[in-house]
PDB file of N, CA and C in Angstrom:
ATOM      1  N   MET A   1       0.496  -1.407  -0.159  1.00  0.00           N
ATOM      2  CA  MET A   1       0.009   0.021  -0.392  1.00  0.00           C
ATOM      3  C   MET A   1       1.357   1.127  -0.284  1.00  0.00           C
ATOM      4  N   ALA A   2       0.365   2.428  -0.698  1.00  0.00           N
ATOM      5  CA  ALA A   2       1.170   3.624  -1.206  1.00  0.00           C
ATOM      6  C   ALA A   2       0.471   4.819  -0.331  1.00  0.00           C
ATOM      7  N   ARG A   3       0.695   5.940   0.249  1.00  0.00           N
ATOM      8  CA  ARG A   3       0.305   6.403   0.475  1.00  0.00           C
ATOM      9  C   ARG A   3       0.385   8.008  -0.531  1.00  0.00           C
ATOM     10  N   PHE A   4      -1.087   8.807  -0.282  1.00  0.00           N
ATOM     11  CA  PHE A   4      -1.068   9.872  -1.196  1.00  0.00           C
ATOM     12  C   PHE A   4      -1.342  11.158  -1.113  1.00  0.00           C
ATOM     13  N   ALA A   5      -0.661  12.170  -0.972  1.00  0.00           N
ATOM     14  CA  ALA A   5      -1.273  13.192  -0.769  1.00  0.00           C
ATOM     15  C   ALA A   5      -2.262  13.838  -1.938  1.00  0.00           C
ATOM     16  N   VAL A   6      -3.271  14.479  -1.767  1.00  0.00           N
ATOM     17  CA  VAL A   6      -3.772  14.607  -2.365  1.00  0.00           C
ATOM     18  C   VAL A   6      -3.920  16.116  -2.441  1.00  0.00           C
ATOM     19  N   GLU A   7      -4.258  17.106  -3.233  1.00  0.00           N
ATOM     20  CA  GLU A   7      -4.646  18.740  -2.875  1.00  0.00           C
ATOM     21  C   GLU A   7      -5.596  18.933  -3.710  1.00  0.00           C
ATOM     22  N   TYR A   8      -6.618  19.541  -3.963  1.00  0.00           N
ATOM     23  CA  TYR A   8      -7.887  19.449  -4.170  1.00  0.00           C
ATOM     24  C   TYR A   8      -7.900  21.518  -5.038  1.00  0.00           C
ATOM     25  N   VAL A   9      -8.206  21.831  -6.024  1.00  0.00           N
ATOM     26  CA  VAL A   9      -8.523  23.385  -6.365  1.00  0.00           C
ATOM     27  C   VAL A   9      -9.429  23.994  -6.600  1.00  0.00           C
ATOM     28  N   TYR A  10     -10.404  24.036  -5.807  1.00  0.00           N
ATOM     29  CA  TYR A  10     -11.961  24.204  -6.248  1.00  0.00           C
ATOM     30  C   TYR A  10     -12.269  25.584  -7.214  1.00  0.00           C
ATOM     31  N   THR A  11     -13.432  24.771  -7.940  1.00  0.00           N
ATOM     32  CA  THR A  11     -13.927  26.430  -9.013  1.00  0.00           C
ATOM     33  C   THR A  11     -14.391  27.035  -7.871  1.00  0.00           C
ATOM     34  N   ALA A  12     -14.576  28.644  -8.472  1.00  0.00           N
ATOM     35  CA  ALA A  12     -15.641  29.127  -8.345  1.00  0.00           C
ATOM     36  C   ALA A  12     -17.039  29.944  -7.803  1.00  0.00           C
ATOM     37  N   ASP A  13     -17.253  28.273  -8.185  1.00  0.00           N
ATOM     38  CA  ASP A  13     -18.627  27.556  -7.703  1.00  0.00           C
ATOM     39  C   ASP A  13     -19.079  27.333  -7.304  1.00  0.00           C
ATOM     40  N   THR A  14     -19.168  28.318  -5.293  1.00  0.00           N
ATOM     41  CA  THR A  14     -19.435  27.766  -4.053  1.00  0.00           C
ATOM     42  C   THR A  14     -21.056  27.707  -3.740  1.00  0.00           C
ATOM     43  N   ALA A  15     -21.704  28.444  -4.189  1.00  0.00           N
ATOM     44  CA  ALA A  15     -23.118  27.522  -4.571  1.00  0.00           C
ATOM     45  C   ALA A  15     -23.338  25.924  -4.637  1.00  0.00           C
ATOM     46  N   LYS A  16     -22.792  25.935  -6.166  1.00  0.00           N
ATOM     47  CA  LYS A  16     -22.719  24.550  -6.340  1.00  0.00           C
ATOM     48  C   LYS A  16     -22.130  23.223  -5.131  1.00  0.00           C
ATOM     49  N   ARG A  17     -21.427  23.720  -5.234  1.00  0.00           N
ATOM     50  CA  ARG A  17     -20.353  23.265  -3.685  1.00  0.00           C
ATOM     51  C   ARG A  17     -20.915  22.672  -2.377  1.00  0.00           C
ATOM     52  N   ASP A  18     -21.748  24.095  -2.185  1.00  0.00           N
ATOM     53  CA  ASP A  18     -22.540  23.883  -0.927  1.00  0.00           C
ATOM     54  C   ASP A  18     -23.414  22.672  -1.230  1.00  0.00           C
ATOM     55  N   GLU A  19     -23.955  22.542  -2.350  1.00  0.00           N
ATOM     56  CA  GLU A  19     -25.419  21.979  -2.544  1.00  0.00           C
ATOM     57  C   GLU A  19     -24.509  20.050  -2.667  1.00  0.00           C
ATOM     58  N   VAL A  20     -23.407  20.046  -3.263  1.00  0.00           N
ATOM     59  CA  VAL A  20     -22.491  19.107  -3.494  1.00  0.00           C
ATOM     60  C   VAL A  20     -22.173  18.169  -2.333  1.00  0.00           C
ATOM     61  N   ARG A  21     -21.626  18.883  -1.632  1.00  0.00           N
ATOM     62  CA  ARG A  21     -21.153  18.789  -0.513  1.00  0.00           C
ATOM     63  C   ARG A  21     -21.356  17.782   0.450  1.00  0.00           C
ATOM     64  N   PRO A  22     -22.692  17.370   0.951  1.00  0.00           N
ATOM     65  CA  PRO A  22     -23.332  15.927   1.589  1.00  0.00           C
ATOM     66  C   PRO A  22     -22.858  14.913   1.150  1.00  0.00           C
ATOM     67  N   ALA A  23     -23.382  14.885  -0.711  1.00  0.00           N
ATOM     68  CA  ALA A  23     -22.224  13.854  -1.145  1.00  0.00           C
ATOM     69  C   ALA A  23     -21.245  13.774  -1.257  1.00  0.00           C
ATOM     70  N   HIS A  24     -20.625  14.727  -1.447  1.00  0.00           N
ATOM     71  CA  HIS A  24     -18.863  14.199  -1.288  1.00  0.00           C
ATOM     72  C   HIS A  24     -18.231  14.516  -0.079  1.00  0.00           C
ATOM     73  N   ARG A  25     -19.124  14.654   0.891  1.00  0.00           N
ATOM     74  CA  ARG A  25     -18.406  13.969   2.206  1.00  0.00           C
ATOM     75  C   ARG A  25     -19.199  12.599   2.348  1.00  0.00           C
ATOM     76  N   ALA A  26     -20.191  12.437   2.048  1.00  0.00           N
ATOM     77  CA  ALA A  26     -20.807  10.830   2.385  1.00  0.00           C
ATOM     78  C   ALA A  26     -19.824   9.675   1.878  1.00  0.00           C
ATOM     79  N   PHE A  27     -19.188  10.536   0.315  1.00  0.00           N
ATOM     80  CA  PHE A  27     -18.061   9.306  -0.434  1.00  0.00           C
ATOM     81  C   PHE A  27     -16.623   9.676   0.396  1.00  0.00           C
ATOM     82  N   LEU A  28     -16.453  10.470   1.019  1.00  0.00           N
ATOM     83  CA  LEU A  28     -15.280  10.679   1.910  1.00  0.00           C
ATOM     84  C   LEU A  28     -15.285   9.306   2.825  1.00  0.00           C
ATOM     85  N   ALA A  29     -16.414   9.665   3.408  1.00  0.00           N
ATOM     86  CA  ALA A  29     -17.081   8.742   4.983  1.00  0.00           C
ATOM     87  C   ALA A  29     -16.901   7.324   4.233  1.00  0.00           C
ATOM     88  N   GLU A  30     -17.503   6.891   3.395  1.00  0.00           N
ATOM     89  CA  GLU A  30     -17.559   5.756   2.680  1.00  0.00           C
ATOM     90  C   GLU A  30     -16.166   5.358   2.390  1.00  0.00           C
ATOM     91  N   ALA A  31     -14.831   6.173   1.399  1.00  0.00           N
ATOM     92  CA  ALA A  31     -13.219   5.630   1.700  1.00  0.00           C
ATOM     93  C   ALA A  31     -12.736   5.623   3.238  1.00  0.00           C
ATOM     94  N   GLN A  32     -13.212   6.519   3.847  1.00  0.00           N
ATOM     95  CA  GLN A  32     -12.642   6.240   5.389  1.00  0.00           C
ATOM     96  C   GLN A  32     -12.752   4.807   6.006  1.00  0.00           C
ATOM     97  N   GLY A  33     -14.110   4.442   5.590  1.00  0.00           N
ATOM     98  CA  GLY A  33     -14.869   3.193   6.451  1.00  0.00           C
ATOM     99  C   GLY A  33     -13.588   2.157   5.745  1.00  0.00           C
ATOM    100  N   ARG A  34     -13.179   1.872   4.378  1.00  0.00           N
ATOM    101  CA  ARG A  34     -12.758   1.119   3.971  1.00  0.00           C
ATOM    102  C   ARG A  34     -10.512   1.412   4.470  1.00  0.00           C
ATOM    103  N   GLY A  35     -10.794   2.574   4.959  1.00  0.00           N
ATOM    104  CA  GLY A  35      -9.656   2.362   5.353  1.00  0.00           C
ATOM    105  C   GLY A  35      -8.961   2.523   4.217  1.00  0.00           C
ATOM    106  N   GLU A  36      -9.409   3.279   3.198  1.00  0.00           N
ATOM    107  CA  GLU A  36      -8.511   4.224   1.859  1.00  0.00           C
ATOM    108  C   GLU A  36      -8.115   5.658   2.241  1.00  0.00           C
ATOM    109  N   LEU A  37      -9.458   6.383   3.623  1.00  0.00           N
ATOM    110  CA  LEU A  37      -8.921   7.600   3.473  1.00  0.00           C
ATOM    111  C   LEU A  37      -8.100   7.963   4.533  1.00  0.00           C
ATOM    112  N   LEU A  38      -7.503   8.642   5.219  1.00  0.00           N
ATOM    113  CA  LEU A  38      -6.705   8.343   5.876  1.00  0.00           C
ATOM    114  C   LEU A  38      -7.028  10.011   6.650  1.00  0.00           C
ATOM    115  N   VAL A  39      -6.725  11.335   6.379  1.00  0.00           N
ATOM    116  CA  VAL A  39      -7.436  12.554   6.459  1.00  0.00           C
ATOM    117  C   VAL A  39      -7.971  13.282   5.433  1.00  0.00           C
ATOM    118  N   SER A  40      -9.083  14.098   5.763  1.00  0.00           N
ATOM    119  CA  SER A  40      -8.896  15.435   4.392  1.00  0.00           C
ATOM    120  C   SER A  40      -9.507  16.609   4.991  1.00  0.00           C
ATOM    121  N   GLY A  41      -9.860  17.448   4.800  1.00  0.00           N
ATOM    122  CA  GLY A  41     -10.117  18.580   4.747  1.00  0.00           C
ATOM    123  C   GLY A  41     -10.153  20.177   4.127  1.00  0.00           C
ATOM    124  N   PRO A  42     -10.829  20.919   4.065  1.00  0.00           N
ATOM    125  CA  PRO A  42     -10.539  22.522   3.338  1.00  0.00           C
ATOM    126  C   PRO A  42      -9.428  22.926   3.583  1.00  0.00           C
ATOM    127  N   TRP A  43      -8.492  23.380   3.139  1.00  0.00           N
ATOM    128  CA  TRP A  43      -8.229  24.731   2.712  1.00  0.00           C
ATOM    129  C   TRP A  43      -9.381  25.850   4.055  1.00  0.00           C
ATOM    130  N   ALA A  44      -8.498  26.376   4.713  1.00  0.00           N
ATOM    131  CA  ALA A  44      -9.030  27.949   5.907  1.00  0.00           C
ATOM    132  C   ALA A  44      -9.548  28.728   5.236  1.00  0.00           C
ATOM    133  N   ASN A  45      -9.305  28.702   3.849  1.00  0.00           N
ATOM    134  CA  ASN A  45      -9.694  29.992   2.844  1.00  0.00           C
ATOM    135  C   ASN A  45     -10.727  29.545   1.661  1.00  0.00           C
ATOM    136  N   ASN A  46     -11.112  28.575   2.043  1.00  0.00           N
ATOM    137  CA  ASN A  46     -12.039  27.482   0.965  1.00  0.00           C
ATOM    138  C   ASN A  46     -11.664  27.201  -0.199  1.00  0.00           C
ATOM    139  N   THR A  47     -10.323  27.272  -1.129  1.00  0.00           N
ATOM    140  CA  THR A  47      -9.889  27.689  -2.052  1.00  0.00           C
ATOM    141  C   THR A  47     -10.505  26.114  -2.690  1.00  0.00           C
ATOM    142  N   GLY A  48      -9.851  25.486  -1.540  1.00  0.00           N
ATOM    143  CA  GLY A  48      -9.559  24.247  -2.264  1.00  0.00           C
ATOM    144  C   GLY A  48      -9.076  22.840  -0.592  1.00  0.00           C
ATOM    145  N   ALA A  49      -8.795  21.427  -0.845  1.00  0.00           N
ATOM    146  CA  ALA A  49      -8.664  20.835   0.343  1.00  0.00           C
ATOM    147  C   ALA A  49      -7.474  19.947  -0.129  1.00  0.00           C
ATOM    148  N   LEU A  50      -6.890  19.278   1.333  1.00  0.00           N
ATOM    149  CA  LEU A  50      -6.139  18.616   1.358  1.00  0.00           C
ATOM    150  C   LEU A  50      -6.883  17.220   1.640  1.00  0.00           C
ATOM    151  N   LEU A  51      -6.695  15.633   0.984  1.00  0.00           N
ATOM    152  CA  LEU A  51      -6.743  14.482   0.833  1.00  0.00           C
ATOM    153  C   LEU A  51      -5.454  13.700   1.094  1.00  0.00           C
ATOM    154  N   VAL A  52      -5.703  12.621   2.184  1.00  0.00           N
ATOM    155  CA  VAL A  52      -4.532  11.621   2.443  1.00  0.00           C
ATOM    156  C   VAL A  52      -4.896  10.328   2.000  1.00  0.00           C
ATOM    157  N   PHE A  53      -4.646   9.456   1.511  1.00  0.00           N
ATOM    158  CA  PHE A  53      -5.070   8.264   0.996  1.00  0.00           C
ATOM    159  C   PHE A  53      -3.928   6.990   0.833  1.00  0.00           C
ATOM    160  N   GLU A  54      -4.064   5.891   1.897  1.00  0.00           N
ATOM    161  CA  GLU A  54      -3.974   5.281   1.223  1.00  0.00           C
ATOM    162  C   GLU A  54      -4.503   3.612   0.873  1.00  0.00           C
ATOM    163  N   VAL A  55      -3.534   3.904  -0.135  1.00  0.00           N
ATOM    164  CA  VAL A  55      -4.623   2.740  -1.520  1.00  0.00           C
ATOM    165  C   VAL A  55      -3.445   2.054  -2.206  1.00  0.00           C
ATOM    166  N   GLU A  56      -4.109   0.903  -2.980  1.00  0.00           N
ATOM    167  CA  GLU A  56      -2.681   0.209  -3.763  1.00  0.00           C
ATOM    168  C   GLU A  56      -1.643   1.159  -4.693  1.00  0.00           C
ATOM    169  N   ASP A  57      -2.444   1.880  -5.590  1.00  0.00           N
ATOM    170  CA  ASP A  57      -1.438   2.483  -6.040  1.00  0.00           C
ATOM    171  C   ASP A  57      -1.647   4.099  -6.672  1.00  0.00           C
ATOM    172  N   GLU A  58      -1.471   4.599  -7.283  1.00  0.00           N
ATOM    173  CA  GLU A  58      -1.942   5.804  -7.993  1.00  0.00           C
ATOM    174  C   GLU A  58      -2.534   5.677  -8.689  1.00  0.00           C
ATOM    175  N   ASP A  59      -3.129   4.426  -9.908  1.00  0.00           N
ATOM    176  CA  ASP A  59      -3.603   4.612 -10.628  1.00  0.00           C
ATOM    177  C   ASP A  59      -4.870   4.073 -10.444  1.00  0.00           C
ATOM    178  N   ALA A  60      -5.447   3.128  -8.957  1.00  0.00           N
ATOM    179  CA  ALA A  60      -6.236   3.205  -8.115  1.00  0.00           C
ATOM    180  C   ALA A  60      -7.169   4.020  -7.521  1.00  0.00           C
ATOM    181  N   LEU A  61      -5.565   5.001  -7.304  1.00  0.00           N
ATOM    182  CA  LEU A  61      -6.292   5.889  -6.522  1.00  0.00           C
ATOM    183  C   LEU A  61      -7.077   7.449  -7.385  1.00  0.00           C
ATOM    184  N   LYS A  62      -6.448   6.790  -8.259  1.00  0.00           N
ATOM    185  CA  LYS A  62      -7.519   7.723  -9.677  1.00  0.00           C
ATOM    186  C   LYS A  62      -8.532   7.732  -9.835  1.00  0.00           C
ATOM    187  N   THR A  63      -8.433   6.255 -10.257  1.00  0.00           N
ATOM    188  CA  THR A  63     -10.082   5.338 -10.258  1.00  0.00           C
ATOM    189  C   THR A  63     -11.083   5.907  -9.126  1.00  0.00           C
ATOM    190  N   LEU A  64     -10.587   6.173  -7.870  1.00  0.00           N
ATOM    191  CA  LEU A  64     -11.503   6.580  -6.691  1.00  0.00           C
ATOM    192  C   LEU A  64     -11.987   7.709  -6.842  1.00  0.00           C
ATOM    193  N   LEU A  65     -10.755   8.467  -7.829  1.00  0.00           N
ATOM    194  CA  LEU A  65     -11.004  10.070  -7.434  1.00  0.00           C
ATOM    195  C   LEU A  65     -12.511  10.813  -8.621  1.00  0.00           C
ATOM    196  N   GLU A  66     -12.121   9.549  -9.266  1.00  0.00           N
ATOM    197  CA  GLU A  66     -13.470  10.191 -10.695  1.00  0.00           C
ATOM    198  C   GLU A  66     -14.375  10.352 -10.120  1.00  0.00           C
ATOM    199  N   HIS A  67     -15.117   9.090  -8.904  1.00  0.00           N
ATOM    200  CA  HIS A  67     -16.071   8.748  -8.518  1.00  0.00           C
ATOM    201  C   HIS A  67     -16.030   9.772  -7.213  1.00  0.00           C
ATOM    202  N   ASP A  68     -15.687  11.150  -7.532  1.00  0.00           N
ATOM    203  CA  ASP A  68     -16.091  11.944  -6.234  1.00  0.00           C
ATOM    204  C   ASP A  68     -16.949  12.565  -6.505  1.00  0.00           C
ATOM    205  N   PRO A  69     -18.210  12.897  -5.856  1.00  0.00           N
ATOM    206  CA  PRO A  69     -18.967  14.111  -6.275  1.00  0.00           C
ATOM    207  C   PRO A  69     -18.638  15.184  -6.448  1.00  0.00           C
ATOM    208  N   PHE A  70     -17.587  15.652  -5.936  1.00  0.00           N
ATOM    209  CA  PHE A  70     -16.718  17.369  -6.473  1.00  0.00           C
ATOM    210  C   PHE A  70     -16.556  17.281  -7.716  1.00  0.00           C
ATOM    211  N   ALA A  71     -15.789  15.632  -8.532  1.00  0.00           N
ATOM    212  CA  ALA A  71     -15.168  15.682  -9.489  1.00  0.00           C
ATOM    213  C   ALA A  71     -16.268  15.462 -10.437  1.00  0.00           C
ATOM    214  N   GLU A  72     -16.853  14.526  -9.916  1.00  0.00           N
ATOM    215  CA  GLU A  72     -18.173  14.480 -11.001  1.00  0.00           C
ATOM    216  C   GLU A  72     -19.331  15.668 -11.528  1.00  0.00           C
ATOM    217  N   ALA A  73     -18.923  16.743 -10.654  1.00  0.00           N
ATOM    218  CA  ALA A  73     -19.979  18.257 -10.561  1.00  0.00           C
ATOM    219  C   ALA A  73     -19.205  19.317 -11.190  1.00  0.00           C
ATOM    220  N   ASP A  74     -18.022  18.983 -11.829  1.00  0.00           N
ATOM    221  CA  ASP A  74     -16.882  19.780 -12.391  1.00  0.00           C
ATOM    222  C   ASP A  74     -16.835  20.617 -10.969  1.00  0.00           C
ATOM    223  N   LEU A  75     -16.254  20.117  -9.957  1.00  0.00           N
ATOM    224  CA  LEU A  75     -16.021  21.222  -9.159  1.00  0.00           C
ATOM    225  C   LEU A  75     -14.987  21.639  -8.557  1.00  0.00           C
ATOM    226  N   VAL A  76     -14.036  20.443  -8.909  1.00  0.00           N
ATOM    227  CA  VAL A  76     -12.437  21.290  -8.696  1.00  0.00           C
ATOM    228  C   VAL A  76     -11.848  21.219  -9.961  1.00  0.00           C
ATOM    229  N   SER A  77     -11.312  22.126 -10.152  1.00  0.00           N
ATOM    230  CA  SER A  77     -10.514  22.389 -11.684  1.00  0.00           C
ATOM    231  C   SER A  77      -8.670  22.211 -11.920  1.00  0.00           C
ATOM    232  N   ARG A  78      -8.262  21.308 -10.725  1.00  0.00           N
ATOM    233  CA  ARG A  78      -6.902  20.919 -10.423  1.00  0.00           C
ATOM    234  C   ARG A  78      -6.811  20.136  -9.796  1.00  0.00           C
ATOM    235  N   VAL A  79      -6.377  18.943  -9.925  1.00  0.00           N
ATOM    236  CA  VAL A  79      -5.857  17.640  -8.679  1.00  0.00           C
ATOM    237  C   VAL A  79      -4.513  18.055  -8.578  1.00  0.00           C
ATOM    238  N   ARG A  80      -4.362  17.576  -7.421  1.00  0.00           N
ATOM    239  CA  ARG A  80      -2.519  17.379  -7.398  1.00  0.00           C
ATOM    240  C   ARG A  80      -1.781  16.353  -7.276  1.00  0.00           C
ATOM    241  N   ILE A  81      -1.154  14.988  -6.624  1.00  0.00           N
ATOM    242  CA  ILE A  81      -1.335  14.324  -6.317  1.00  0.00           C
ATOM    243  C   ILE A  81       0.150  13.862  -5.753  1.00  0.00           C
ATOM    244  N   ASN A  82       0.512  13.309  -4.800  1.00  0.00           N
ATOM    245  CA  ASN A  82       1.947  13.009  -4.691  1.00  0.00           C
ATOM    246  C   ASN A  82       2.462  11.925  -3.980  1.00  0.00           C
ATOM    247  N   GLU A  83       2.925  11.589  -3.653  1.00  0.00           N
ATOM    248  CA  GLU A  83       3.320   9.932  -2.900  1.00  0.00           C
ATOM    249  C   GLU A  83       3.926  10.221  -1.848  1.00  0.00           C
ATOM    250  N   PHE A  84       3.581  10.150  -0.601  1.00  0.00           N
ATOM    251  CA  PHE A  84       4.126  10.514   0.420  1.00  0.00           C
ATOM    252  C   PHE A  84       4.638   9.575   2.134  1.00  0.00           C
ATOM    253  N   ASN A  85       5.932  10.000   1.882  1.00  0.00           N
ATOM    254  CA  ASN A  85       6.532   9.226   2.449  1.00  0.00           C
ATOM    255  C   ASN A  85       6.664   9.470   4.123  1.00  0.00           C
ATOM    256  N   PRO A  86       5.882   9.430   4.612  1.00  0.00           N
ATOM    257  CA  PRO A  86       5.853   9.728   6.157  1.00  0.00           C
ATOM    258  C   PRO A  86       6.994   9.159   6.808  1.00  0.00           C
ATOM    259  N   VAL A  87       7.759   9.976   8.068  1.00  0.00           N
ATOM    260  CA  VAL A  87       8.899   9.435   8.579  1.00  0.00           C
ATOM    261  C   VAL A  87       8.462   9.692  10.241  1.00  0.00           C
ATOM    262  N   LEU A  88       8.121  10.842  10.346  1.00  0.00           N
ATOM    263  CA  LEU A  88       7.639  10.924  12.124  1.00  0.00           C
ATOM    264  C   LEU A  88       5.964  10.836  11.780  1.00  0.00           C
ATOM    265  N   GLY A  89       5.695  10.692  12.925  1.00  0.00           N
ATOM    266  CA  GLY A  89       4.098  10.925  13.422  1.00  0.00           C
ATOM    267  C   GLY A  89       3.123   9.853  13.686  1.00  0.00           C
ATOM    268  N   SER A  90       1.781  10.465  14.297  1.00  0.00           N
ATOM    269  CA  SER A  90       0.838   8.885  14.530  1.00  0.00           C
ATOM    270  C   SER A  90       0.884   8.484  14.180  1.00  0.00           C
ATOM    271  N   TRP A  91       1.085   8.653  12.768  1.00  0.00           N
ATOM    272  CA  TRP A  91       0.630   7.470  10.961  1.00  0.00           C
ATOM    273  C   TRP A  91       1.692   6.077  11.201  1.00  0.00           C
ATOM    274  N   LEU A  92       2.485   6.351  11.705  1.00  0.00           N
ATOM    275  CA  LEU A  92       3.262   5.834  11.804  1.00  0.00           C
ATOM    276  C   LEU A  92       3.385   4.323  13.356  1.00  0.00           C
ATOM    277  N   ALA A  93       3.739   2.810  12.689  1.00  0.00           N
ATOM    278  CA  ALA A  93       3.547   2.113  13.317  1.00  0.00           C
ATOM    279  C   ALA A  93       4.564   2.078  14.422  1.00  0.00           C
ATOM    280  N   GLY A  94       4.868   1.799  15.897  1.00  0.00           N
ATOM    281  CA  GLY A  94       5.870   2.234  17.068  1.00  0.00           C
ATOM    282  C   GLY A  94       6.481   1.563  16.786  1.00  0.00           C
TER     283      GLY A  94
END
Protein backbone atom coordinates (compact mmCIF):
# COMPACT_ATOMS: atom_id res chain seq x y z
CA MET A 1 0.00 0.00 0.00
CA ALA A 2 1.11 3.53 -0.74
CA ARG A 3 0.15 6.85 0.77
CA PHE A 4 -0.73 9.83 -1.38
CA ALA A 5 -1.30 13.49 -0.60
CA VAL A 6 -3.96 14.94 -2.87
CA GLU A 7 -4.53 18.65 -3.27
CA TYR A 8 -7.80 19.85 -4.72
CA VAL A 9 -8.21 23.36 -6.10
CA TYR A 10 -11.87 24.25 -6.21
CA THR A 11 -13.72 26.18 -8.90
CA ALA A 12 -15.34 29.47 -7.90
CA ASP A 13 -18.87 27.96 -7.87
CA THR A 14 -19.43 28.00 -4.11
CA ALA A 15 -23.21 27.61 -4.36
CA LYS A 16 -22.89 24.37 -6.33
CA ARG A 17 -20.14 23.18 -3.97
CA ASP A 18 -22.44 23.75 -0.99
CA GLU A 19 -25.15 21.76 -2.78
CA VAL A 20 -22.87 18.80 -3.58
CA ARG A 21 -20.91 18.82 -0.28
CA PRO A 22 -23.13 16.26 1.54
CA ALA A 23 -22.58 13.70 -1.25
CA HIS A 24 -18.85 14.53 -1.32
CA ARG A 25 -18.56 13.98 2.43
CA ALA A 26 -20.52 10.72 2.21
CA PHE A 27 -18.10 9.57 -0.51
CA LEU A 28 -15.15 10.45 1.75
CA ALA A 29 -16.75 8.70 4.74
CA GLU A 30 -17.11 5.53 2.66
CA ALA A 31 -13.44 5.75 1.63
CA GLN A 32 -12.50 6.22 5.28
CA GLY A 33 -14.60 3.21 6.26
CA ARG A 34 -12.68 1.09 3.74
CA GLY A 35 -9.39 2.32 5.21
CA GLU A 36 -8.48 4.30 2.07
CA LEU A 37 -8.89 7.85 3.38
CA LEU A 38 -6.64 8.78 6.30
CA VAL A 39 -7.54 12.47 6.65
CA SER A 40 -9.16 15.25 4.65
CA GLY A 41 -10.24 18.81 5.02
CA PRO A 42 -10.60 22.13 3.21
CA TRP A 43 -8.10 24.96 3.30
CA ALA A 44 -9.21 27.66 5.74
CA ASN A 45 -9.80 30.04 2.82
CA ASN A 46 -12.06 27.46 1.07
CA THR A 47 -10.08 27.51 -2.19
CA GLY A 48 -9.34 23.80 -2.04
CA ALA A 49 -8.54 20.86 0.19
CA LEU A 50 -5.93 18.35 1.26
CA LEU A 51 -6.76 14.64 1.32
CA VAL A 52 -4.42 11.81 2.31
CA PHE A 53 -5.15 8.32 1.04
CA GLU A 54 -3.62 4.89 1.50
CA VAL A 55 -4.34 2.76 -1.57
CA GLU A 56 -2.68 0.13 -3.74
CA ASP A 57 -1.20 2.54 -6.29
CA GLU A 58 -1.73 5.85 -8.07
CA ASP A 59 -3.97 4.30 -10.72
CA ALA A 60 -6.31 3.00 -8.01
CA LEU A 61 -6.35 6.45 -6.43
CA LYS A 62 -7.17 8.18 -9.72
CA THR A 63 -10.02 5.74 -10.31
CA LEU A 64 -11.33 6.42 -6.81
CA LEU A 65 -11.11 10.21 -7.23
CA GLU A 66 -13.06 10.08 -10.50
CA HIS A 67 -16.10 9.03 -8.44
CA ASP A 68 -15.88 11.90 -5.97
CA PRO A 69 -19.11 13.89 -6.36
CA PHE A 70 -17.06 17.12 -6.43
CA ALA A 71 -15.15 15.76 -9.45
CA GLU A 72 -18.32 14.48 -11.13
CA ALA A 73 -19.91 17.93 -10.70
CA ASP A 74 -16.81 19.67 -12.16
CA LEU A 75 -16.12 21.50 -8.90
CA VAL A 76 -12.40 20.69 -8.86
CA SER A 77 -10.31 22.72 -11.29
CA ARG A 78 -7.00 21.04 -10.47
CA VAL A 79 -5.88 17.87 -8.72
CA ARG A 80 -2.29 17.44 -7.60
CA ILE A 81 -1.23 13.96 -6.47
CA ASN A 82 2.05 13.18 -4.73
CA GLU A 83 3.12 9.90 -3.19
CA PHE A 84 3.73 10.64 0.47
CA ASN A 85 6.39 8.91 2.59
CA PRO A 86 5.88 9.96 6.22
CA VAL A 87 8.91 9.42 8.45
CA LEU A 88 7.61 10.89 11.73
CA GLY A 89 4.20 11.12 13.31
CA SER A 90 1.27 9.22 14.71
CA TRP A 91 0.50 7.45 11.41
CA LEU A 92 3.61 5.33 11.76
CA ALA A 93 3.67 2.02 13.60
CA GLY A 94 5.60 2.29 16.87
